[in-house]
Amino acid sequence: MATFLEFEKPIAELQARIDELRDAAAGGEVDIDSEVAKLQAKSDKFLRDAYARLTPWQKTLVARHPERPHFKHYVARLITDFMPLGGDRAFADDAAIQGGLGRFRGQRVMVIGHEKGDDTASRLKHNFGMGKPEGYRKAIRLVELAGKFGIPVITLVDTSGAFPGMEAEERGQAEAIARSTEACLNAGVPLVASILGEGGSGGAVALAAGNRVLMMEHAVYSVISPEGCASILWRTADKAADAAEAMKITAQHLKELGVIDTIVPEPLGGAHRDRDAAIDALGDAIERALGELAGQDAQTLRQGRRAKFLAMGRA
């Protein structure tokens, strides 16, 4: 059964009526096709109108939708011969940050990204996509391995932020994030980063410091969550919608500000309504980005990243 967001309530009600009609007519002689068609047309119009004018807060809710495709779905559809590589060679393996070697449309690549999980058990296993220090140190290892063998890196970012627990701080969370960001900036191979859903704080930047930064149409990317920002500024998370508006967290805002390079269109109603189409659209965007970077030497790639990030925020 589909999960509807609060602002999609009229659509949910229409779909419920359609389902009721179909159930009532099952096995009978009643012709409901014309009535169902009218209700479906009305539902489609509500969907188009709603998604044509999403607020930043509504986009945040879409970006967090539980049925939105995650790292494992993108890897399963876009990467062949995927070989997972685990561990940071220092402490442990972090299930929140995944990575490994594979082939993307015939080209060898290193893929690294956050995995949130899609049910209670897997979300707990993957810590809701919140990486720990060992996860970021694993990412460093994989980026450096890719550089050693001249393999392009694709990162898939989807996290509310790095894990804030005491044990993560004890193991050097801030240092691990900084080193991971540094490793991405220093990589001597093309690095294409994609914001799939949530791009939260340093936990996202640690994997997103690439030559090209792509962002799904209804994803969000910010230094802090809207709720966190509202709690600091207004002492209440109830102002999250106002914070989302003020922070300019949507793909459209960030493209204008030069923080990202490309907005990847999503199917009507969000990536969760047609996972395969959304994943294929991102795959096409990644292929174009890698094509633009092909043939550049290590120094050119590093200089390009440096210029890109230093230019952000300048008038």
C-alpha atoms as a PDB file:
ATOM      1  CA  MET A   1       0.000   0.000   0.000  1.00  0.00           C
ATOM      2  CA  ALA A   2       1.365   3.390  -1.002  1.00  0.00           C
ATOM      3  CA  THR A   3       2.403   5.828   1.710  1.00  0.00           C
ATOM      4  CA  PHE A   4       0.987   9.325   1.213  1.00  0.00           C
ATOM      5  CA  LEU A   5       2.437  12.485   2.706  1.00  0.00           C
ATOM      6  CA  GLU A   6       0.296  15.012   4.586  1.00  0.00           C
ATOM      7  CA  PHE A   7       0.013  17.420   1.657  1.00  0.00           C
ATOM      8  CA  GLU A   8      -1.055  14.509  -0.570  1.00  0.00           C
ATOM      9  CA  LYS A   9      -4.221  13.873   1.468  1.00  0.00           C
ATOM     10  CA  PRO A  10      -6.658  14.744  -1.393  1.00  0.00           C
ATOM     11  CA  ILE A  11      -4.808  12.291  -3.635  1.00  0.00           C
ATOM     12  CA  ALA A  12      -4.952   9.591  -0.966  1.00  0.00           C
ATOM     13  CA  GLU A  13      -8.711  10.079  -0.584  1.00  0.00           C
ATOM     14  CA  LEU A  14      -9.282   9.781  -4.338  1.00  0.00           C
ATOM     15  CA  GLN A  15      -7.137   6.648  -4.545  1.00  0.00           C
ATOM     16  CA  ALA A  16      -9.102   5.149  -1.637  1.00  0.00           C
ATOM     17  CA  ARG A  17     -12.356   5.800  -3.506  1.00  0.00           C
ATOM     18  CA  ILE A  18     -10.936   4.179  -6.642  1.00  0.00           C
ATOM     19  CA  ASP A  19      -9.879   1.109  -4.647  1.00  0.00           C
ATOM     20  CA  GLU A  20     -13.316   0.893  -3.027  1.00  0.00           C
ATOM     21  CA  LEU A  21     -15.017   0.969  -6.425  1.00  0.00           C
ATOM     22  CA  ARG A  22     -12.772  -1.750  -7.756  1.00  0.00           C
ATOM     23  CA  ASP A  23     -13.334  -3.939  -4.709  1.00  0.00           C
ATOM     24  CA  ALA A  24     -17.109  -3.460  -4.898  1.00  0.00           C
ATOM     25  CA  ALA A  25     -17.165  -4.377  -8.588  1.00  0.00           C
ATOM     26  CA  ALA A  26     -14.820  -7.352  -8.313  1.00  0.00           C
ATOM     27  CA  GLY A  27     -16.405 -10.387  -9.860  1.00  0.00           C
ATOM     28  CA  GLY A  28     -19.597  -8.483 -10.685  1.00  0.00           C
ATOM     29  CA  GLU A  29     -21.259  -7.159 -13.791  1.00  0.00           C
ATOM     30  CA  VAL A  30     -21.046  -3.492 -12.836  1.00  0.00           C
ATOM     31  CA  ASP A  31     -19.134  -1.301 -15.277  1.00  0.00           C
ATOM     32  CA  ILE A  32     -17.017   1.118 -13.236  1.00  0.00           C
ATOM     33  CA  ASP A  33     -14.439   1.999 -15.887  1.00  0.00           C
ATOM     34  CA  SER A  34     -15.814   5.445 -16.690  1.00  0.00           C
ATOM     35  CA  GLU A  35     -16.140   6.451 -13.036  1.00  0.00           C
ATOM     36  CA  VAL A  36     -12.655   5.149 -12.219  1.00  0.00           C
ATOM     37  CA  ALA A  37     -11.236   7.040 -15.190  1.00  0.00           C
ATOM     38  CA  LYS A  38     -12.785  10.296 -13.964  1.00  0.00           C
ATOM     39  CA  LEU A  39     -11.446   9.819 -10.440  1.00  0.00           C
ATOM     40  CA  GLN A  40      -8.013   8.842 -11.758  1.00  0.00           C
ATOM     41  CA  ALA A  41      -7.884  11.929 -13.969  1.00  0.00           C
ATOM     42  CA  LYS A  42      -8.798  14.073 -10.970  1.00  0.00           C
ATOM     43  CA  SER A  43      -6.120  12.360  -8.860  1.00  0.00           C
ATOM     44  CA  ASP A  44      -3.485  12.900 -11.563  1.00  0.00           C
ATOM     45  CA  LYS A  45      -4.381  16.587 -11.743  1.00  0.00           C
ATOM     46  CA  PHE A  46      -4.055  16.963  -7.965  1.00  0.00           C
ATOM     47  CA  LEU A  47      -0.654  15.259  -8.170  1.00  0.00           C
ATOM     48  CA  ARG A  48       0.597  17.499 -10.982  1.00  0.00           C
ATOM     49  CA  ASP A  49      -0.632  20.653  -9.259  1.00  0.00           C
ATOM     50  CA  ALA A  50       0.815  19.665  -5.868  1.00  0.00           C
ATOM     51  CA  TYR A  51       4.266  18.804  -7.201  1.00  0.00           C
ATOM     52  CA  ALA A  52       4.406  21.890  -9.393  1.00  0.00           C
ATOM     53  CA  ARG A  53       4.402  24.135  -6.329  1.00  0.00           C
ATOM     54  CA  LEU A  54       6.131  22.207  -3.563  1.00  0.00           C
ATOM     55  CA  THR A  55       7.476  24.321  -0.719  1.00  0.00           C
ATOM     56  CA  PRO A  56      11.001  23.628   0.620  1.00  0.00           C
ATOM     57  CA  TRP A  57       9.466  21.857   3.624  1.00  0.00           C
ATOM     58  CA  GLN A  58       7.291  19.682   1.399  1.00  0.00           C
ATOM     59  CA  LYS A  59      10.365  18.801  -0.660  1.00  0.00           C
ATOM     60  CA  THR A  60      12.059  17.806   2.590  1.00  0.00           C
ATOM     61  CA  LEU A  61       9.187  15.407   3.299  1.00  0.00           C
ATOM     62  CA  VAL A  62       9.440  13.967  -0.224  1.00  0.00           C
ATOM     63  CA  ALA A  63      13.227  13.574   0.168  1.00  0.00           C
ATOM     64  CA  ARG A  64      12.587  11.559   3.343  1.00  0.00           C
ATOM     65  CA  HIS A  65       9.820   9.388   1.903  1.00  0.00           C
ATOM     66  CA  PRO A  66      10.304   5.820   3.184  1.00  0.00           C
ATOM     67  CA  GLU A  67       9.711   4.313  -0.273  1.00  0.00           C
ATOM     68  CA  ARG A  68      12.263   6.511  -2.028  1.00  0.00           C
ATOM     69  CA  PRO A  69      15.045   4.469  -3.718  1.00  0.00           C
ATOM     70  CA  HIS A  70      18.231   4.084  -1.679  1.00  0.00           C
ATOM     71  CA  PHE A  71      21.857   3.194  -2.350  1.00  0.00           C
ATOM     72  CA  LYS A  72      21.167  -0.509  -2.801  1.00  0.00           C
ATOM     73  CA  HIS A  73      18.468   0.152  -5.401  1.00  0.00           C
ATOM     74  CA  TYR A  74      20.741   2.402  -7.460  1.00  0.00           C
ATOM     75  CA  VAL A  75      23.587  -0.107  -7.279  1.00  0.00           C
ATOM     76  CA  ALA A  76      21.329  -3.011  -8.241  1.00  0.00           C
ATOM     77  CA  ARG A  77      20.078  -1.210 -11.360  1.00  0.00           C
ATOM     78  CA  LEU A  78      23.119   0.795 -12.468  1.00  0.00           C
ATOM     79  CA  ILE A  79      26.153  -1.241 -11.371  1.00  0.00           C
ATOM     80  CA  THR A  80      27.074  -4.661 -12.710  1.00  0.00           C
ATOM     81  CA  ASP A  81      29.652  -7.041 -11.204  1.00  0.00           C
ATOM     82  CA  PHE A  82      29.426  -5.128  -7.923  1.00  0.00           C
ATOM     83  CA  MET A  83      31.979  -6.284  -5.337  1.00  0.00           C
ATOM     84  CA  PRO A  84      31.371  -4.800  -1.866  1.00  0.00           C
ATOM     85  CA  LEU A  85      34.465  -3.732   0.060  1.00  0.00           C
ATOM     86  CA  GLY A  86      34.109  -3.410   3.815  1.00  0.00           C
ATOM     87  CA  GLY A  87      36.016  -2.169   6.838  1.00  0.00           C
ATOM     88  CA  ASP A  88      38.274   0.774   7.604  1.00  0.00           C
ATOM     89  CA  ARG A  89      41.268  -1.457   8.493  1.00  0.00           C
ATOM     90  CA  ALA A  90      41.361   0.176  11.905  1.00  0.00           C
ATOM     91  CA  PHE A  91      38.201  -0.458  13.921  1.00  0.00           C
ATOM     92  CA  ALA A  92      35.176  -2.010  12.199  1.00  0.00           C
ATOM     93  CA  ASP A  93      32.860  -2.015   9.227  1.00  0.00           C
ATOM     94  CA  ASP A  94      30.111   0.613   9.192  1.00  0.00           C
ATOM     95  CA  ALA A  95      26.862  -0.534   7.574  1.00  0.00           C
ATOM     96  CA  ALA A  96      25.625   3.048   7.104  1.00  0.00           C
ATOM     97  CA  ILE A  97      28.279   3.771   4.457  1.00  0.00           C
ATOM     98  CA  GLN A  98      28.589   1.175   1.721  1.00  0.00           C
ATOM     99  CA  GLY A  99      31.087   0.901  -1.101  1.00  0.00           C
ATOM    100  CA  GLY A 100      32.723  -1.309  -3.637  1.00  0.00           C
ATOM    101  CA  LEU A 101      33.971  -1.890  -7.156  1.00  0.00           C
ATOM    102  CA  GLY A 102      31.781  -2.510 -10.175  1.00  0.00           C
ATOM    103  CA  ARG A 103      31.001  -1.508 -13.730  1.00  0.00           C
ATOM    104  CA  PHE A 104      28.796   1.407 -14.652  1.00  0.00           C
ATOM    105  CA  ARG A 105      27.572   1.032 -18.230  1.00  0.00           C
ATOM    106  CA  GLY A 106      30.742  -0.849 -19.102  1.00  0.00           C
ATOM    107  CA  GLN A 107      33.165   1.425 -17.243  1.00  0.00           C
ATOM    108  CA  ARG A 108      35.026   0.375 -14.099  1.00  0.00           C
ATOM    109  CA  VAL A 109      34.026   2.532 -11.128  1.00  0.00           C
ATOM    110  CA  MET A 110      34.244   2.771  -7.368  1.00  0.00           C
ATOM    111  CA  VAL A 111      30.809   3.376  -5.814  1.00  0.00           C
ATOM    112  CA  ILE A 112      30.423   4.770  -2.286  1.00  0.00           C
ATOM    113  CA  GLY A 113      27.259   5.931  -0.560  1.00  0.00           C
ATOM    114  CA  HIS A 114      24.891   6.035   2.389  1.00  0.00           C
ATOM    115  CA  GLU A 115      22.348   3.258   2.901  1.00  0.00           C
ATOM    116  CA  LYS A 116      19.349   4.116   5.086  1.00  0.00           C
ATOM    117  CA  GLY A 117      17.459   0.817   4.906  1.00  0.00           C
ATOM    118  CA  ASP A 118      13.806   0.406   3.978  1.00  0.00           C
ATOM    119  CA  ASP A 119      12.228  -1.461   6.900  1.00  0.00           C
ATOM    120  CA  THR A 120      12.706  -1.486  10.649  1.00  0.00           C
ATOM    121  CA  ALA A 121      15.340  -4.220  10.702  1.00  0.00           C
ATOM    122  CA  SER A 122      17.435  -2.796   7.865  1.00  0.00           C
ATOM    123  CA  ARG A 123      17.161   0.774   9.174  1.00  0.00           C
ATOM    124  CA  LEU A 124      18.550  -0.353  12.503  1.00  0.00           C
ATOM    125  CA  LYS A 125      21.275  -2.348  10.763  1.00  0.00           C
ATOM    126  CA  HIS A 126      22.315   0.651   8.654  1.00  0.00           C
ATOM    127  CA  ASN A 127      21.820   3.148  11.502  1.00  0.00           C
ATOM    128  CA  PHE A 128      19.353   5.122   9.342  1.00  0.00           C
ATOM    129  CA  GLY A 129      22.186   6.106   7.010  1.00  0.00           C
ATOM    130  CA  MET A 130      24.065   8.019   9.723  1.00  0.00           C
ATOM    131  CA  GLY A 131      27.731   7.202   9.249  1.00  0.00           C
ATOM    132  CA  LYS A 132      30.202   6.635  12.077  1.00  0.00           C
ATOM    133  CA  PRO A 133      33.941   7.436  11.951  1.00  0.00           C
ATOM    134  CA  GLU A 134      34.780   3.969  10.660  1.00  0.00           C
ATOM    135  CA  GLY A 135      32.358   4.543   7.776  1.00  0.00           C
ATOM    136  CA  TYR A 136      34.090   7.735   6.689  1.00  0.00           C
ATOM    137  CA  ARG A 137      37.488   6.097   7.116  1.00  0.00           C
ATOM    138  CA  LYS A 138      36.258   3.286   4.889  1.00  0.00           C
ATOM    139  CA  ALA A 139      35.261   5.905   2.328  1.00  0.00           C
ATOM    140  CA  ILE A 140      38.768   7.403   2.519  1.00  0.00           C
ATOM    141  CA  ARG A 141      40.279   3.973   1.907  1.00  0.00           C
ATOM    142  CA  LEU A 142      38.082   3.345  -1.111  1.00  0.00           C
ATOM    143  CA  VAL A 143      38.689   6.776  -2.661  1.00  0.00           C
ATOM    144  CA  GLU A 144      42.433   6.320  -2.263  1.00  0.00           C
ATOM    145  CA  LEU A 145      42.208   2.793  -3.709  1.00  0.00           C
ATOM    146  CA  ALA A 146      40.332   4.156  -6.726  1.00  0.00           C
ATOM    147  CA  GLY A 147      43.015   6.801  -7.196  1.00  0.00           C
ATOM    148  CA  LYS A 148      45.761   4.190  -7.058  1.00  0.00           C
ATOM    149  CA  PHE A 149      44.219   2.245  -9.944  1.00  0.00           C
ATOM    150  CA  GLY A 150      42.831   5.204 -11.923  1.00  0.00           C
ATOM    151  CA  ILE A 151      39.186   4.295 -11.392  1.00  0.00           C
ATOM    152  CA  PRO A 152      36.474   7.041 -11.377  1.00  0.00           C
ATOM    153  CA  VAL A 153      34.447   7.427  -8.181  1.00  0.00           C
ATOM    154  CA  ILE A 154      30.659   7.730  -7.954  1.00  0.00           C
ATOM    155  CA  THR A 155      29.194   8.741  -4.598  1.00  0.00           C
ATOM    156  CA  LEU A 156      25.511   8.424  -3.684  1.00  0.00           C
ATOM    157  CA  VAL A 157      24.617  10.720  -0.795  1.00  0.00           C
ATOM    158  CA  ASP A 158      21.515  10.192   1.329  1.00  0.00           C
ATOM    159  CA  THR A 159      21.850  10.966   5.028  1.00  0.00           C
ATOM    160  CA  SER A 160      20.285  13.217   7.616  1.00  0.00           C
ATOM    161  CA  GLY A 161      23.821  13.690   8.958  1.00  0.00           C
ATOM    162  CA  ALA A 162      26.688  11.824  10.560  1.00  0.00           C
ATOM    163  CA  PHE A 163      25.897   9.821  13.685  1.00  0.00           C
ATOM    164  CA  PRO A 164      26.002  12.183  16.716  1.00  0.00           C
ATOM    165  CA  GLY A 165      26.412   9.555  19.431  1.00  0.00           C
ATOM    166  CA  MET A 166      29.041   9.661  22.157  1.00  0.00           C
ATOM    167  CA  GLU A 167      30.924   6.634  20.808  1.00  0.00           C
ATOM    168  CA  ALA A 168      31.292   8.331  17.418  1.00  0.00           C
ATOM    169  CA  GLU A 169      32.758  11.430  19.051  1.00  0.00           C
ATOM    170  CA  GLU A 170      35.107   9.259  21.114  1.00  0.00           C
ATOM    171  CA  ARG A 171      36.413   7.663  17.903  1.00  0.00           C
ATOM    172  CA  GLY A 172      37.038  10.993  16.170  1.00  0.00           C
ATOM    173  CA  GLN A 173      33.914  11.750  14.136  1.00  0.00           C
ATOM    174  CA  ALA A 174      34.895  15.307  13.186  1.00  0.00           C
ATOM    175  CA  GLU A 175      38.390  14.274  12.122  1.00  0.00           C
ATOM    176  CA  ALA A 176      37.049  11.383  10.048  1.00  0.00           C
ATOM    177  CA  ILE A 177      34.580  13.653   8.235  1.00  0.00           C
ATOM    178  CA  ALA A 178      37.287  16.240   7.560  1.00  0.00           C
ATOM    179  CA  ARG A 179      39.671  13.587   6.237  1.00  0.00           C
ATOM    180  CA  SER A 180      36.979  12.097   4.033  1.00  0.00           C
ATOM    181  CA  THR A 181      36.226  15.525   2.550  1.00  0.00           C
ATOM    182  CA  GLU A 182      39.963  16.016   2.017  1.00  0.00           C
ATOM    183  CA  ALA A 183      40.277  12.624   0.306  1.00  0.00           C
ATOM    184  CA  CYS A 184      37.482  13.514  -2.129  1.00  0.00           C
ATOM    185  CA  LEU A 185      39.051  16.899  -2.901  1.00  0.00           C
ATOM    186  CA  ASN A 186      42.487  15.342  -3.422  1.00  0.00           C
ATOM    187  CA  ALA A 187      41.362  12.391  -5.551  1.00  0.00           C
ATOM    188  CA  GLY A 188      43.334  12.134  -8.759  1.00  0.00           C
ATOM    189  CA  VAL A 189      40.403  10.579 -10.601  1.00  0.00           C
ATOM    190  CA  PRO A 190      36.982  11.936 -11.668  1.00  0.00           C
ATOM    191  CA  LEU A 191      34.539  12.078  -8.763  1.00  0.00           C
ATOM    192  CA  VAL A 192      30.829  12.525  -9.443  1.00  0.00           C
ATOM    193  CA  ALA A 193      28.602  13.016  -6.394  1.00  0.00           C
ATOM    194  CA  SER A 194      24.811  12.633  -6.396  1.00  0.00           C
ATOM    195  CA  ILE A 195      22.381  13.833  -3.701  1.00  0.00           C
ATOM    196  CA  LEU A 196      19.628  11.203  -3.740  1.00  0.00           C
ATOM    197  CA  GLY A 197      17.348  12.340  -0.916  1.00  0.00           C
ATOM    198  CA  GLU A 198      18.745  14.082   2.144  1.00  0.00           C
ATOM    199  CA  GLY A 199      22.137  15.746   2.034  1.00  0.00           C
ATOM    200  CA  GLY A 200      22.633  16.546   5.688  1.00  0.00           C
ATOM    201  CA  SER A 201      25.539  18.508   7.153  1.00  0.00           C
ATOM    202  CA  GLY A 202      29.173  17.374   7.083  1.00  0.00           C
ATOM    203  CA  GLY A 203      28.010  13.788   6.890  1.00  0.00           C
ATOM    204  CA  ALA A 204      26.925  14.531   3.323  1.00  0.00           C
ATOM    205  CA  VAL A 205      29.761  16.876   2.301  1.00  0.00           C
ATOM    206  CA  ALA A 206      32.290  14.194   3.294  1.00  0.00           C
ATOM    207  CA  LEU A 207      31.168  12.200   0.228  1.00  0.00           C
ATOM    208  CA  ALA A 208      30.000  15.083  -1.963  1.00  0.00           C
ATOM    209  CA  ALA A 209      33.165  17.101  -2.616  1.00  0.00           C
ATOM    210  CA  GLY A 210      33.267  16.105  -6.271  1.00  0.00           C
ATOM    211  CA  ASN A 211      34.076  17.533  -9.688  1.00  0.00           C
ATOM    212  CA  ARG A 212      30.383  17.373 -10.463  1.00  0.00           C
ATOM    213  CA  VAL A 213      27.551  17.439  -7.920  1.00  0.00           C
ATOM    214  CA  LEU A 214      24.205  16.154  -9.183  1.00  0.00           C
ATOM    215  CA  MET A 215      20.983  16.453  -7.213  1.00  0.00           C
ATOM    216  CA  MET A 216      17.626  14.773  -7.614  1.00  0.00           C
ATOM    217  CA  GLU A 217      14.786  17.221  -8.282  1.00  0.00           C
ATOM    218  CA  HIS A 218      13.089  16.736  -4.916  1.00  0.00           C
ATOM    219  CA  ALA A 219      16.196  16.168  -2.780  1.00  0.00           C
ATOM    220  CA  VAL A 220      17.431  18.613  -0.132  1.00  0.00           C
ATOM    221  CA  TYR A 221      20.983  19.600   0.830  1.00  0.00           C
ATOM    222  CA  SER A 222      21.848  21.725   3.858  1.00  0.00           C
ATOM    223  CA  VAL A 223      24.266  22.319   6.709  1.00  0.00           C
ATOM    224  CA  ILE A 224      21.599  21.379   9.274  1.00  0.00           C
ATOM    225  CA  SER A 225      18.106  19.898   9.220  1.00  0.00           C
ATOM    226  CA  PRO A 226      15.163  22.333   9.173  1.00  0.00           C
ATOM    227  CA  GLU A 227      14.114  21.044  12.598  1.00  0.00           C
ATOM    228  CA  GLY A 228      17.609  21.569  13.992  1.00  0.00           C
ATOM    229  CA  CYS A 229      17.805  25.081  12.585  1.00  0.00           C
ATOM    230  CA  ALA A 230      14.370  25.966  13.972  1.00  0.00           C
ATOM    231  CA  SER A 231      15.321  24.617  17.402  1.00  0.00           C
ATOM    232  CA  ILE A 232      18.355  26.888  17.483  1.00  0.00           C
ATOM    233  CA  LEU A 233      16.738  30.050  16.102  1.00  0.00           C
ATOM    234  CA  TRP A 234      13.220  29.813  17.520  1.00  0.00           C
ATOM    235  CA  ARG A 235      13.683  27.267  20.330  1.00  0.00           C
ATOM    236  CA  THR A 236      11.054  25.030  18.730  1.00  0.00           C
ATOM    237  CA  ALA A 237      11.046  22.489  15.902  1.00  0.00           C
ATOM    238  CA  ASP A 238       7.532  23.674  15.001  1.00  0.00           C
ATOM    239  CA  LYS A 239       9.162  26.379  12.866  1.00  0.00           C
ATOM    240  CA  ALA A 240      10.856  23.792  10.618  1.00  0.00           C
ATOM    241  CA  ALA A 241       8.912  24.927   7.538  1.00  0.00           C
ATOM    242  CA  ASP A 242      10.082  28.506   8.049  1.00  0.00           C
ATOM    243  CA  ALA A 243      13.662  27.321   8.498  1.00  0.00           C
ATOM    244  CA  ALA A 244      13.506  25.234   5.323  1.00  0.00           C
ATOM    245  CA  GLU A 245      12.350  28.281   3.372  1.00  0.00           C
ATOM    246  CA  ALA A 246      15.089  30.506   4.780  1.00  0.00           C
ATOM    247  CA  MET A 247      17.951  28.035   4.311  1.00  0.00           C
ATOM    248  CA  LYS A 248      17.512  27.591   0.524  1.00  0.00           C
ATOM    249  CA  ILE A 249      17.868  23.814   0.704  1.00  0.00           C
ATOM    250  CA  THR A 250      16.173  22.730  -2.537  1.00  0.00           C
ATOM    251  CA  ALA A 251      17.893  21.691  -5.743  1.00  0.00           C
ATOM    252  CA  GLN A 252      16.466  24.731  -7.518  1.00  0.00           C
ATOM    253  CA  HIS A 253      17.895  27.166  -4.951  1.00  0.00           C
ATOM    254  CA  LEU A 254      21.269  25.404  -4.808  1.00  0.00           C
ATOM    255  CA  LYS A 255      21.634  25.381  -8.582  1.00  0.00           C
ATOM    256  CA  GLU A 256      21.164  29.163  -8.582  1.00  0.00           C
ATOM    257  CA  LEU A 257      23.757  29.514  -5.806  1.00  0.00           C
ATOM    258  CA  GLY A 258      26.287  27.342  -7.649  1.00  0.00           C
ATOM    259  CA  VAL A 259      26.432  24.686  -4.927  1.00  0.00           C
ATOM    260  CA  ILE A 260      25.326  21.930  -7.320  1.00  0.00           C
ATOM    261  CA  ASP A 261      25.837  21.510 -11.054  1.00  0.00           C
ATOM    262  CA  THR A 262      22.854  19.543 -12.333  1.00  0.00           C
ATOM    263  CA  ILE A 263      19.241  18.933 -11.284  1.00  0.00           C
ATOM    264  CA  VAL A 264      18.086  15.433 -12.234  1.00  0.00           C
ATOM    265  CA  PRO A 265      14.332  15.357 -13.006  1.00  0.00           C
ATOM    266  CA  GLU A 266      12.167  12.903 -11.099  1.00  0.00           C
ATOM    267  CA  PRO A 267       8.981  11.130 -12.247  1.00  0.00           C
ATOM    268  CA  LEU A 268       5.737  12.954 -11.482  1.00  0.00           C
ATOM    269  CA  GLY A 269       5.073  12.584  -7.762  1.00  0.00           C
ATOM    270  CA  GLY A 270       8.684  11.854  -6.805  1.00  0.00           C
ATOM    271  CA  ALA A 271      11.260   9.111  -7.257  1.00  0.00           C
ATOM    272  CA  HIS A 272       9.315   6.746  -4.969  1.00  0.00           C
ATOM    273  CA  ARG A 273       6.455   6.560  -7.502  1.00  0.00           C
ATOM    274  CA  ASP A 274       8.661   5.181 -10.291  1.00  0.00           C
ATOM    275  CA  ARG A 275      11.989   3.999  -8.926  1.00  0.00           C
ATOM    276  CA  ASP A 276      13.339   2.601 -12.183  1.00  0.00           C
ATOM    277  CA  ALA A 277      12.693   5.818 -14.119  1.00  0.00           C
ATOM    278  CA  ALA A 278      14.320   7.927 -11.387  1.00  0.00           C
ATOM    279  CA  ILE A 279      17.367   5.665 -11.187  1.00  0.00           C
ATOM    280  CA  ASP A 280      17.777   5.608 -14.985  1.00  0.00           C
ATOM    281  CA  ALA A 281      17.564   9.413 -15.112  1.00  0.00           C
ATOM    282  CA  LEU A 282      20.366   9.699 -12.568  1.00  0.00           C
ATOM    283  CA  GLY A 283      22.360   7.092 -14.454  1.00  0.00           C
ATOM    284  CA  ASP A 284      22.138   9.193 -17.628  1.00  0.00           C
ATOM    285  CA  ALA A 285      23.278  12.292 -15.713  1.00  0.00           C
ATOM    286  CA  ILE A 286      26.229  10.421 -14.182  1.00  0.00           C
ATOM    287  CA  GLU A 287      27.233   9.098 -17.598  1.00  0.00           C
ATOM    288  CA  ARG A 288      27.248  12.631 -19.041  1.00  0.00           C
ATOM    289  CA  ALA A 289      29.269  13.959 -16.100  1.00  0.00           C
ATOM    290  CA  LEU A 290      31.884  11.204 -16.374  1.00  0.00           C
ATOM    291  CA  GLY A 291      32.088  11.869 -20.121  1.00  0.00           C
ATOM    292  CA  GLU A 292      32.826  15.555 -19.469  1.00  0.00           C
ATOM    293  CA  LEU A 293      35.659  14.623 -17.073  1.00  0.00           C
ATOM    294  CA  ALA A 294      37.172  11.831 -19.152  1.00  0.00           C
ATOM    295  CA  GLY A 295      40.734  12.443 -20.243  1.00  0.00           C
ATOM    296  CA  GLN A 296      41.556  15.062 -17.602  1.00  0.00           C
ATOM    297  CA  ASP A 297      44.776  14.422 -15.676  1.00  0.00           C
ATOM    298  CA  ALA A 298      44.964  14.280 -11.887  1.00  0.00           C
ATOM    299  CA  GLN A 299      46.198  17.847 -11.466  1.00  0.00           C
ATOM    300  CA  THR A 300      43.436  19.271 -13.663  1.00  0.00           C
ATOM    301  CA  LEU A 301      40.788  17.337 -11.733  1.00  0.00           C
ATOM    302  CA  ARG A 302      42.124  18.589  -8.380  1.00  0.00           C
ATOM    303  CA  GLN A 303      42.355  22.177  -9.596  1.00  0.00           C
ATOM    304  CA  GLY A 304      38.812  21.977 -10.955  1.00  0.00           C
ATOM    305  CA  ARG A 305      37.444  20.852  -7.589  1.00  0.00           C
ATOM    306  CA  ARG A 306      39.399  23.521  -5.744  1.00  0.00           C
ATOM    307  CA  ALA A 307      38.129  26.284  -8.031  1.00  0.00           C
ATOM    308  CA  LYS A 308      34.571  24.948  -7.816  1.00  0.00           C
ATOM    309  CA  PHE A 309      34.389  24.977  -4.020  1.00  0.00           C
ATOM    310  CA  LEU A 310      36.302  28.211  -3.511  1.00  0.00           C
ATOM    311  CA  ALA A 311      33.866  29.982  -5.850  1.00  0.00           C
ATOM    312  CA  MET A 312      30.838  29.079  -3.728  1.00  0.00           C
ATOM    313  CA  GLY A 313      29.383  32.007  -1.838  1.00  0.00           C
ATOM    314  CA  ARG A 314      31.232  34.648  -3.830  1.00  0.00           C
ATOM    315  CA  ALA A 315      29.263  37.420  -5.483  1.00  0.00           C
END
